C-alpha cells in the first residue's frame, strides 16, 4: 500500500471516530430495540459502484419482504448501480447518492436532500467486517437521522450504528453475513441467493435468444473487472472445447474493453461463437436463455446466479466459500493452489466443464 493510501486510510478512521463522538446519542441507542419492533420502513445503504455488490443487496430485499407484516424497502446506491436494482420486485424505492461536497456532512447537498425526502424507521449500513467502509458508515449515519441505524460491529466504524451487529462465526459466506445484518430486525435469516428483475433485452437480440434457448448452449465470460482474478483465455478455450464435446454450443460474451480477450477464446475453440455487445439486461437475458455459465469471480457470476442459470465459477486468489455459491446447480472451482503449483489449468477446467455439462444433461433428462 502506498504511503498516500495509508495516510488516506488513517484520515478516514480518524473521521469515523470524530463522527461517532459528534453523533453519539445514548437515548437513541437505548430505544433502538423497541423501535425495531414497530418499524415499517427500511433503507439499505451500499454506495460503491460494483455490479456484484449491488446484486448482493438483493437477498436482503427478499428477506425484508418476507417479514410479517412486510416492510417498505428502499435502497441507497451509487449512481452506476441503479441499472442493477431498478425494477426489482422487492424494492419500493431507489435512491442514488449525490457525492458532491460530502465533507460538509449533514450540510452536503445529497445528504440534506435524503434527510428531507426519506422517512425511514431503520437504516442498514450494508458493509462487511473484513474491509469496513468508513464512507458507507458515515453516509448511513448522516442519512439515518433519528432512525435506528444497524451496521457491522467492526473497528473503527462500530461506534456509529445504534446497534452494531457482530460477524457470524460459523460461515464465511458473504451473502449469509450480510443477511445477518438484518437479524436485530427480522431474526435469523436463511441464506438466500441474489435475484434480478425480468430482463429487458433489446428487440435486436431476440432472434439470438430464441436460438440459444432452443438448443443447449453455454455462455463463457473470460473477462472481469480485476485482471488478477481472471483465468487465462486459453483456459476458457479449453472449457469451451470441453463443453462443445459435451453437446453444448459455446457462446463467448464480453464487457467493455474485453472484446479482444473474447476473440482469443473463440479463435482457440472451434465451434465457439462471439456474442454481440451486451448491456446488463441483454447479458442477463442471454445467461438465462443459455442455462449454463462459465465465468470468473466477477459481477457476471452474481448476475448468472441471480437469473437462475447454473453457474461454474472459476476462482483465483479469492475464497469461493466467501464469494461463491457452492450449492447445486452451481459449482465453484478454486484454482489458486493449482496455479501456484504450476499445474495445467486447461485440463483441470476442461474436466470441470465437462462434468458440469454432464450434470446439467442428467438434470434435463430427469425433468423429462
Protein backbone atom coordinates (compact mmCIF):
# COMPACT_ATOMS: atom_id res chain seq x y z
CA UNK A 1 0.00 0.00 0.00
CA UNK A 2 1.37 3.43 -0.94
CA UNK A 3 2.10 6.00 1.78
CA UNK A 4 -0.65 8.22 0.35
CA UNK A 5 -3.23 5.43 0.56
CA UNK A 6 -2.11 4.59 4.07
CA UNK A 7 -2.49 8.23 5.10
CA UNK A 8 -5.93 8.37 3.49
CA UNK A 9 -6.97 5.29 5.43
CA UNK A 10 -5.88 6.74 8.76
CA UNK A 11 -7.62 10.03 7.97
CA UNK A 12 -10.89 8.16 7.31
CA UNK A 13 -10.55 6.24 10.56
CA UNK A 14 -9.99 9.45 12.46
CA UNK A 15 -13.04 10.95 10.77
CA UNK A 16 -15.14 7.93 11.78
CA UNK A 17 -14.12 8.34 15.42
CA UNK A 18 -14.85 12.07 15.32
CA UNK A 19 -18.27 11.46 13.75
CA UNK A 20 -19.04 8.80 16.35
CA UNK A 21 -18.37 11.33 19.10
CA UNK A 22 -20.44 14.05 17.42
CA UNK A 23 -23.44 11.84 16.70
CA UNK A 24 -23.40 9.74 19.87
CA UNK A 25 -26.89 9.68 21.38
CA UNK A 26 -27.21 7.25 24.34
CA UNK A 27 -31.00 7.64 24.44
CA UNK A 28 -31.32 6.69 20.77
CA UNK A 29 -29.34 3.52 21.40
CA UNK A 30 -31.38 2.55 24.41
CA UNK A 31 -34.65 2.98 22.50
CA UNK A 32 -33.44 1.13 19.37
CA UNK A 33 -34.74 -2.42 20.22
CA UNK A 34 -38.26 -1.15 20.99
CA UNK A 35 -38.30 0.94 17.82
CA UNK A 36 -37.23 -2.03 15.69
CA UNK A 37 -40.29 -3.93 16.93
CA UNK A 38 -42.65 -1.38 15.34
CA UNK A 39 -40.58 -0.48 12.26
CA UNK A 40 -42.38 -0.37 8.93
CA UNK A 41 -39.74 1.00 6.54
CA UNK A 42 -36.07 0.26 5.87
CA UNK A 43 -33.30 1.89 3.81
CA UNK A 44 -30.35 -0.28 2.76
CA UNK A 45 -27.14 1.64 2.07
CA UNK A 46 -24.40 0.38 -0.26
CA UNK A 47 -22.61 3.18 -2.09
CA UNK A 48 -19.77 1.59 -4.05
CA UNK A 49 -20.03 1.22 -7.83
CA UNK A 50 -19.68 -2.55 -8.40
CA UNK A 51 -22.43 -4.59 -10.04
CA UNK A 52 -21.71 -7.62 -7.88
CA UNK A 53 -22.04 -5.62 -4.68
CA UNK A 54 -25.41 -4.27 -5.79
CA UNK A 55 -26.62 -7.80 -6.57
CA UNK A 56 -25.50 -8.88 -3.10
CA UNK A 57 -28.12 -6.48 -1.73
CA UNK A 58 -30.96 -8.44 -3.30
CA UNK A 59 -31.08 -11.33 -0.79
CA UNK A 60 -31.67 -8.66 1.88
CA UNK A 61 -34.56 -7.20 -0.12
CA UNK A 62 -36.24 -10.60 -0.28
CA UNK A 63 -35.68 -11.29 3.41
CA UNK A 64 -37.21 -7.96 4.43
CA UNK A 65 -40.23 -8.50 2.17
CA UNK A 66 -40.76 -11.94 3.71
CA UNK A 67 -41.25 -10.42 7.15
CA UNK A 68 -44.80 -10.35 8.53
CA UNK A 69 -46.06 -7.74 8.02
CA UNK A 70 -43.79 -6.95 5.06
CA UNK A 71 -41.67 -3.82 5.31
CA UNK A 72 -41.34 -0.97 2.86
CA UNK A 73 -37.84 -1.47 1.48
CA UNK A 74 -35.71 1.15 -0.26
CA UNK A 75 -32.03 1.30 -1.19
CA UNK A 76 -29.37 3.98 -1.50
CA UNK A 77 -26.71 3.05 -4.06
CA UNK A 78 -24.03 4.50 -6.31
CA UNK A 79 -25.45 6.05 -9.49
CA UNK A 80 -23.75 3.37 -11.61
CA UNK A 81 -25.68 0.66 -9.77
CA UNK A 82 -29.20 1.94 -10.35
CA UNK A 83 -29.35 -0.18 -13.54
CA UNK A 84 -28.83 -3.27 -11.37
CA UNK A 85 -31.67 -2.67 -8.92
CA UNK A 86 -34.26 -0.57 -10.74
CA UNK A 87 -37.44 -2.54 -11.31
CA UNK A 88 -36.61 -5.20 -8.73
CA UNK A 89 -39.94 -6.59 -7.48
CA UNK A 90 -38.90 -6.48 -3.82
CA UNK A 91 -37.77 -2.84 -3.94
CA UNK A 92 -40.16 0.01 -3.17
CA UNK A 93 -37.80 2.91 -3.73
CA UNK A 94 -34.32 3.52 -5.15
CA UNK A 95 -32.05 6.45 -4.32
CA UNK A 96 -28.65 7.46 -5.63
CA UNK A 97 -26.05 9.25 -3.58
CA UNK A 98 -25.13 12.76 -4.66
CA UNK A 99 -21.45 12.67 -3.68
CA UNK A 100 -20.82 16.41 -4.05
CA UNK A 101 -19.23 18.02 -1.02
CA UNK A 102 -19.68 15.02 1.27
CA UNK A 103 -17.09 16.61 3.55
CA UNK A 104 -19.85 19.02 4.62
CA UNK A 105 -21.58 16.16 6.42
CA UNK A 106 -25.25 16.93 7.17
CA UNK A 107 -24.98 20.08 5.04
CA UNK A 108 -23.85 18.24 1.90
CA UNK A 109 -26.47 18.66 -0.88
CA UNK A 110 -27.07 14.94 -1.30
CA UNK A 111 -27.34 14.23 2.43
CA UNK A 112 -29.72 17.14 3.01
CA UNK A 113 -31.97 16.01 0.17
CA UNK A 114 -32.14 12.47 1.50
CA UNK A 115 -32.90 13.57 5.04
CA UNK A 116 -35.72 15.79 3.75
CA UNK A 117 -37.19 13.21 1.40
CA UNK A 118 -36.79 9.95 3.28
CA UNK A 119 -38.71 8.88 6.36
CA UNK A 120 -37.24 5.53 7.32
CA UNK A 121 -37.61 3.74 10.62
CA UNK A 122 -34.43 1.73 10.09
CA UNK A 123 -31.28 2.32 8.05
CA UNK A 124 -28.81 -0.52 7.42
CA UNK A 125 -25.16 0.09 6.54
CA UNK A 126 -24.60 -2.96 4.30
CA UNK A 127 -20.84 -3.05 4.67
CA UNK A 128 -18.75 -6.02 5.67
CA UNK A 129 -16.48 -6.90 8.53
CA UNK A 130 -13.31 -7.67 6.55
CA UNK A 131 -12.85 -4.32 4.81
CA UNK A 132 -15.05 -1.80 6.64
CA UNK A 133 -16.08 1.20 4.55
CA UNK A 134 -15.82 4.42 6.50
CA UNK A 135 -17.61 6.30 3.71
CA UNK A 136 -20.59 3.92 3.79
CA UNK A 137 -20.77 4.05 7.59
CA UNK A 138 -20.63 7.87 7.66
CA UNK A 139 -23.23 8.26 4.90
CA UNK A 140 -25.52 5.80 6.69
CA UNK A 141 -25.22 7.72 9.96
CA UNK A 142 -25.84 11.07 8.30
CA UNK A 143 -28.85 9.82 6.32
CA UNK A 144 -30.38 7.93 9.23
CA UNK A 145 -31.01 10.97 11.41
CA UNK A 146 -33.37 9.76 14.16
CA UNK A 147 -33.88 6.34 12.52
CA UNK A 148 -32.33 3.23 14.05
CA UNK A 149 -29.01 2.51 12.34
CA UNK A 150 -27.73 -1.07 12.01
CA UNK A 151 -24.18 -1.79 10.87
CA UNK A 152 -21.23 -4.17 11.21
CA UNK A 153 -19.54 -4.39 14.60
CA UNK A 154 -16.01 -3.64 13.39
CA UNK A 155 -13.42 -1.01 14.24
CA UNK A 156 -13.37 1.92 13.61
CA UNK A 157 -16.99 2.25 12.46
CA UNK A 158 -18.65 0.22 15.25
CA UNK A 159 -19.39 3.37 17.24
CA UNK A 160 -21.58 4.88 14.52
CA UNK A 161 -24.58 2.48 14.41
CA UNK A 162 -27.17 2.33 17.18
CA UNK A 163 -26.92 -1.45 17.05
CA UNK A 164 -23.57 -2.89 15.93
CA UNK A 165 -24.09 -6.43 14.62
CA UNK A 166 -21.27 -8.93 15.29
CA UNK A 167 -19.98 -11.12 12.49
CA UNK A 168 -21.32 -14.67 12.29
CA UNK A 169 -18.57 -17.07 13.42
CA UNK A 170 -19.94 -20.14 11.62
CA UNK A 171 -19.70 -19.17 7.94
CA UNK A 172 -17.50 -17.07 5.64
CA UNK A 173 -20.35 -16.64 3.10
CA UNK A 174 -20.76 -13.02 2.13
CA UNK A 175 -24.48 -13.49 1.46
CA UNK A 176 -25.04 -15.13 4.84
CA UNK A 177 -23.07 -12.45 6.66
CA UNK A 178 -24.94 -9.58 5.04
CA UNK A 179 -28.27 -11.21 5.76
CA UNK A 180 -27.09 -11.44 9.36
CA UNK A 181 -27.02 -7.63 9.46
CA UNK A 182 -30.82 -7.80 9.46
CA UNK A 183 -31.02 -10.16 12.46
CA UNK A 184 -31.89 -7.46 15.04
CA UNK A 185 -34.87 -6.56 12.84
CA UNK A 186 -36.10 -9.87 11.39
CA UNK A 187 -34.32 -12.54 13.44
CA UNK A 188 -32.31 -15.38 11.93
CA UNK A 189 -32.48 -15.38 8.13
CA UNK A 190 -31.80 -18.48 5.99
CA UNK A 191 -29.09 -18.00 3.40
CA UNK A 192 -30.60 -16.83 0.13
CA UNK A 193 -29.39 -16.15 -3.40
CA UNK A 194 -29.18 -12.95 -5.44
CA UNK A 195 -32.16 -12.13 -7.63
CA UNK A 196 -32.79 -9.92 -10.64
CA UNK A 197 -35.81 -8.38 -12.31
CA UNK A 198 -37.20 -9.90 -15.52
CA UNK A 199 -34.52 -8.91 -18.07
CA UNK A 200 -35.42 -6.31 -20.68
CA UNK A 201 -33.28 -7.16 -23.71
CA UNK A 202 -33.39 -5.10 -26.93
CA UNK A 203 -35.53 -6.38 -29.79
CA UNK A 204 -32.43 -6.92 -31.94
CA UNK A 205 -31.23 -9.62 -29.53
CA UNK A 206 -34.43 -11.68 -29.52
CA UNK A 207 -33.58 -13.93 -32.53
CA UNK A 208 -30.30 -14.92 -30.85
CA UNK A 209 -32.09 -15.53 -27.54
CA UNK A 210 -34.59 -17.81 -29.28
CA UNK A 211 -31.76 -19.77 -30.91
CA UNK A 212 -29.86 -20.08 -27.63
CA UNK A 213 -32.96 -21.27 -25.78
CA UNK A 214 -33.81 -23.85 -28.46
CA UNK A 215 -30.54 -25.82 -28.19
CA UNK A 216 -28.14 -26.45 -25.28
CA UNK A 217 -25.74 -23.52 -25.09
CA UNK A 218 -23.18 -22.26 -22.61
CA UNK A 219 -22.11 -18.66 -22.12
CA UNK A 220 -18.44 -18.16 -21.27
CA UNK A 221 -17.28 -14.88 -19.76
CA UNK A 222 -13.46 -14.70 -19.71
CA UNK A 223 -13.36 -11.06 -18.57
CA UNK A 224 -13.80 -9.36 -15.24
CA UNK A 225 -13.16 -6.03 -13.60
CA UNK A 226 -9.86 -7.06 -11.96
CA UNK A 227 -7.25 -8.70 -14.15
CA UNK A 228 -5.60 -10.65 -11.33
CA UNK A 229 -8.85 -12.57 -10.77
CA UNK A 230 -9.09 -13.65 -14.41
CA UNK A 231 -8.29 -17.17 -15.55
CA UNK A 232 -6.11 -17.05 -18.72
CA UNK A 233 -8.06 -17.07 -22.02
CA UNK A 234 -6.51 -20.38 -23.08
CA UNK A 235 -8.13 -21.96 -20.01
CA UNK A 236 -11.54 -20.65 -21.09
CA UNK A 237 -10.83 -22.00 -24.57
CA UNK A 238 -10.24 -25.44 -23.06
CA UNK A 239 -13.57 -25.14 -21.22
CA UNK A 240 -15.29 -24.14 -24.47
CA UNK A 241 -13.88 -27.18 -26.30
CA UNK A 242 -14.99 -29.48 -23.46
CA UNK A 243 -18.48 -28.01 -23.46
CA UNK A 244 -18.72 -28.36 -27.24
CA UNK A 245 -17.70 -32.02 -26.99
CA UNK A 246 -20.39 -32.46 -24.34
CA UNK A 247 -23.09 -31.22 -26.70
CA UNK A 248 -23.33 -27.57 -25.67
CA UNK A 249 -22.70 -24.69 -28.06
CA UNK A 250 -20.21 -22.20 -26.53
CA UNK A 251 -21.02 -18.51 -26.82
CA UNK A 252 -18.31 -16.14 -25.58
CA UNK A 253 -19.62 -12.89 -24.10
CA UNK A 254 -17.63 -9.82 -23.22
CA UNK A 255 -17.84 -6.47 -21.50
CA UNK A 256 -16.32 -3.05 -22.23
CA UNK A 257 -12.70 -3.40 -23.30
CA UNK A 258 -12.88 -7.22 -23.35
CA UNK A 259 -13.65 -7.99 -26.99
CA UNK A 260 -10.03 -8.88 -27.83
CA UNK A 261 -9.94 -11.28 -24.88
CA UNK A 262 -13.19 -12.90 -26.01
CA UNK A 263 -11.96 -13.25 -29.60
CA UNK A 264 -8.83 -15.03 -28.35
CA UNK A 265 -11.07 -17.64 -26.69
CA UNK A 266 -13.20 -18.06 -29.83
CA UNK A 267 -10.15 -18.47 -32.09
CA UNK A 268 -8.77 -21.24 -29.85
CA UNK A 269 -12.07 -23.11 -29.57
CA UNK A 270 -13.51 -24.35 -32.91
CA UNK A 271 -17.27 -24.06 -32.91
CA UNK A 272 -17.38 -21.29 -30.31
CA UNK A 273 -19.13 -18.09 -31.33
CA UNK A 274 -18.58 -14.50 -30.25
CA UNK A 275 -21.62 -12.92 -28.60
CA UNK A 276 -22.68 -9.43 -29.66
CA UNK A 277 -22.06 -6.48 -27.37
CA UNK A 278 -24.47 -6.58 -24.44
CA UNK A 279 -25.65 -4.27 -21.71
CA UNK A 280 -26.70 -5.61 -18.30
CA UNK A 281 -30.23 -6.60 -19.34
CA UNK A 282 -29.08 -8.21 -22.57
CA UNK A 283 -26.43 -10.22 -20.74
CA UNK A 284 -28.94 -11.30 -18.10
CA UNK A 285 -31.34 -12.49 -20.82
CA UNK A 286 -28.54 -14.34 -22.61
CA UNK A 287 -27.42 -16.11 -19.42
CA UNK A 288 -30.97 -17.12 -18.57
CA UNK A 289 -31.64 -18.44 -22.10
CA UNK A 290 -28.43 -20.49 -22.24
CA UNK A 291 -28.89 -22.05 -18.82
CA UNK A 292 -25.16 -22.70 -18.37
CA UNK A 293 -22.49 -20.14 -17.47
CA UNK A 294 -18.71 -20.42 -17.05
CA UNK A 295 -17.10 -17.28 -15.64
CA UNK A 296 -14.50 -15.74 -13.38
CA UNK A 297 -15.27 -14.45 -9.91
CA UNK A 298 -16.75 -11.13 -11.04
CA UNK A 299 -20.05 -9.30 -11.39
CA UNK A 300 -21.41 -11.68 -14.06
CA UNK A 301 -21.00 -14.58 -11.61
CA UNK A 302 -23.57 -12.99 -9.29
CA UNK A 303 -25.77 -11.99 -12.24
CA UNK A 304 -25.80 -15.54 -13.60
CA UNK A 305 -26.87 -16.93 -10.24
CA UNK A 306 -29.45 -14.15 -9.90
CA UNK A 307 -31.20 -15.11 -13.16
CA UNK A 308 -31.19 -18.79 -12.19
CA UNK A 309 -28.57 -20.03 -14.67
CA UNK A 310 -26.45 -22.95 -13.43
CA UNK A 311 -23.03 -21.39 -12.97
CA UNK A 312 -19.49 -22.77 -12.97
CA UNK A 313 -17.40 -20.13 -11.18
CA UNK A 314 -13.60 -20.16 -11.60
CA UNK A 315 -11.77 -18.60 -8.66
CA UNK A 316 -8.22 -17.31 -8.47
CA UNK A 317 -6.75 -15.65 -5.36
CA UNK A 318 -10.22 -15.29 -3.82
CA UNK A 319 -12.13 -17.53 -1.39
CA UNK A 320 -15.06 -19.30 -3.13
CA UNK A 321 -16.52 -20.14 0.28
CA UNK A 322 -16.94 -16.41 0.85
CA UNK A 323 -17.85 -15.12 -2.60
CA UNK A 324 -19.22 -18.18 -4.37
CA UNK A 325 -22.39 -20.29 -4.45
CA UNK A 326 -21.50 -23.89 -3.64
CA UNK A 327 -24.98 -25.43 -3.74
CA UNK A 328 -26.48 -27.18 -6.78
CA UNK A 329 -26.96 -26.40 -9.59
CA UNK A 330 -23.91 -24.16 -9.21
CA UNK A 331 -20.33 -25.26 -8.80
CA UNK A 332 -17.31 -23.23 -7.70
CA UNK A 333 -13.73 -24.28 -8.56
CA UNK A 334 -10.76 -22.84 -6.65
CA UNK A 335 -7.73 -22.80 -8.95
CA UNK A 336 -5.41 -20.84 -6.67
CA UNK A 337 -3.27 -23.72 -5.38
CA UNK A 338 -3.12 -25.36 -8.80
CA UNK A 339 -1.92 -22.09 -10.36
CA UNK A 340 0.71 -21.64 -7.65
CA UNK A 341 1.99 -25.19 -8.23
CA UNK A 342 2.08 -24.65 -11.98
CA UNK A 343 -0.49 -27.37 -12.68
CA UNK A 344 -2.09 -27.39 -16.16
CA UNK A 345 -5.21 -25.33 -15.57
CA UNK A 346 -6.54 -26.12 -19.04
CA UNK A 347 -7.07 -29.82 -18.23
CA UNK A 348 -8.48 -29.08 -14.76
CA UNK A 349 -11.04 -26.62 -16.08
CA UNK A 350 -11.90 -28.75 -19.10
CA UNK A 351 -12.67 -31.68 -16.79
CA UNK A 352 -14.76 -29.44 -14.54
CA UNK A 353 -16.68 -28.01 -17.52
CA UNK A 354 -17.35 -31.46 -18.98
CA UNK A 355 -18.56 -32.78 -15.62
CA UNK A 356 -20.74 -29.70 -15.20
CA UNK A 357 -22.30 -30.23 -18.63
CA UNK A 358 -22.99 -33.89 -17.82
CA UNK A 359 -24.70 -32.90 -14.56
CA UNK A 360 -26.92 -30.43 -16.40
CA UNK A 361 -27.76 -33.04 -19.05
CA UNK A 362 -28.76 -35.52 -16.35
CA UNK A 363 -30.92 -32.86 -14.75
CA UNK A 364 -32.72 -32.19 -18.05
CA UNK A 365 -33.26 -35.90 -18.58
CA UNK A 366 -34.72 -36.30 -15.11
CA UNK A 367 -37.10 -33.39 -15.74
CA UNK A 368 -38.37 -35.03 -18.93
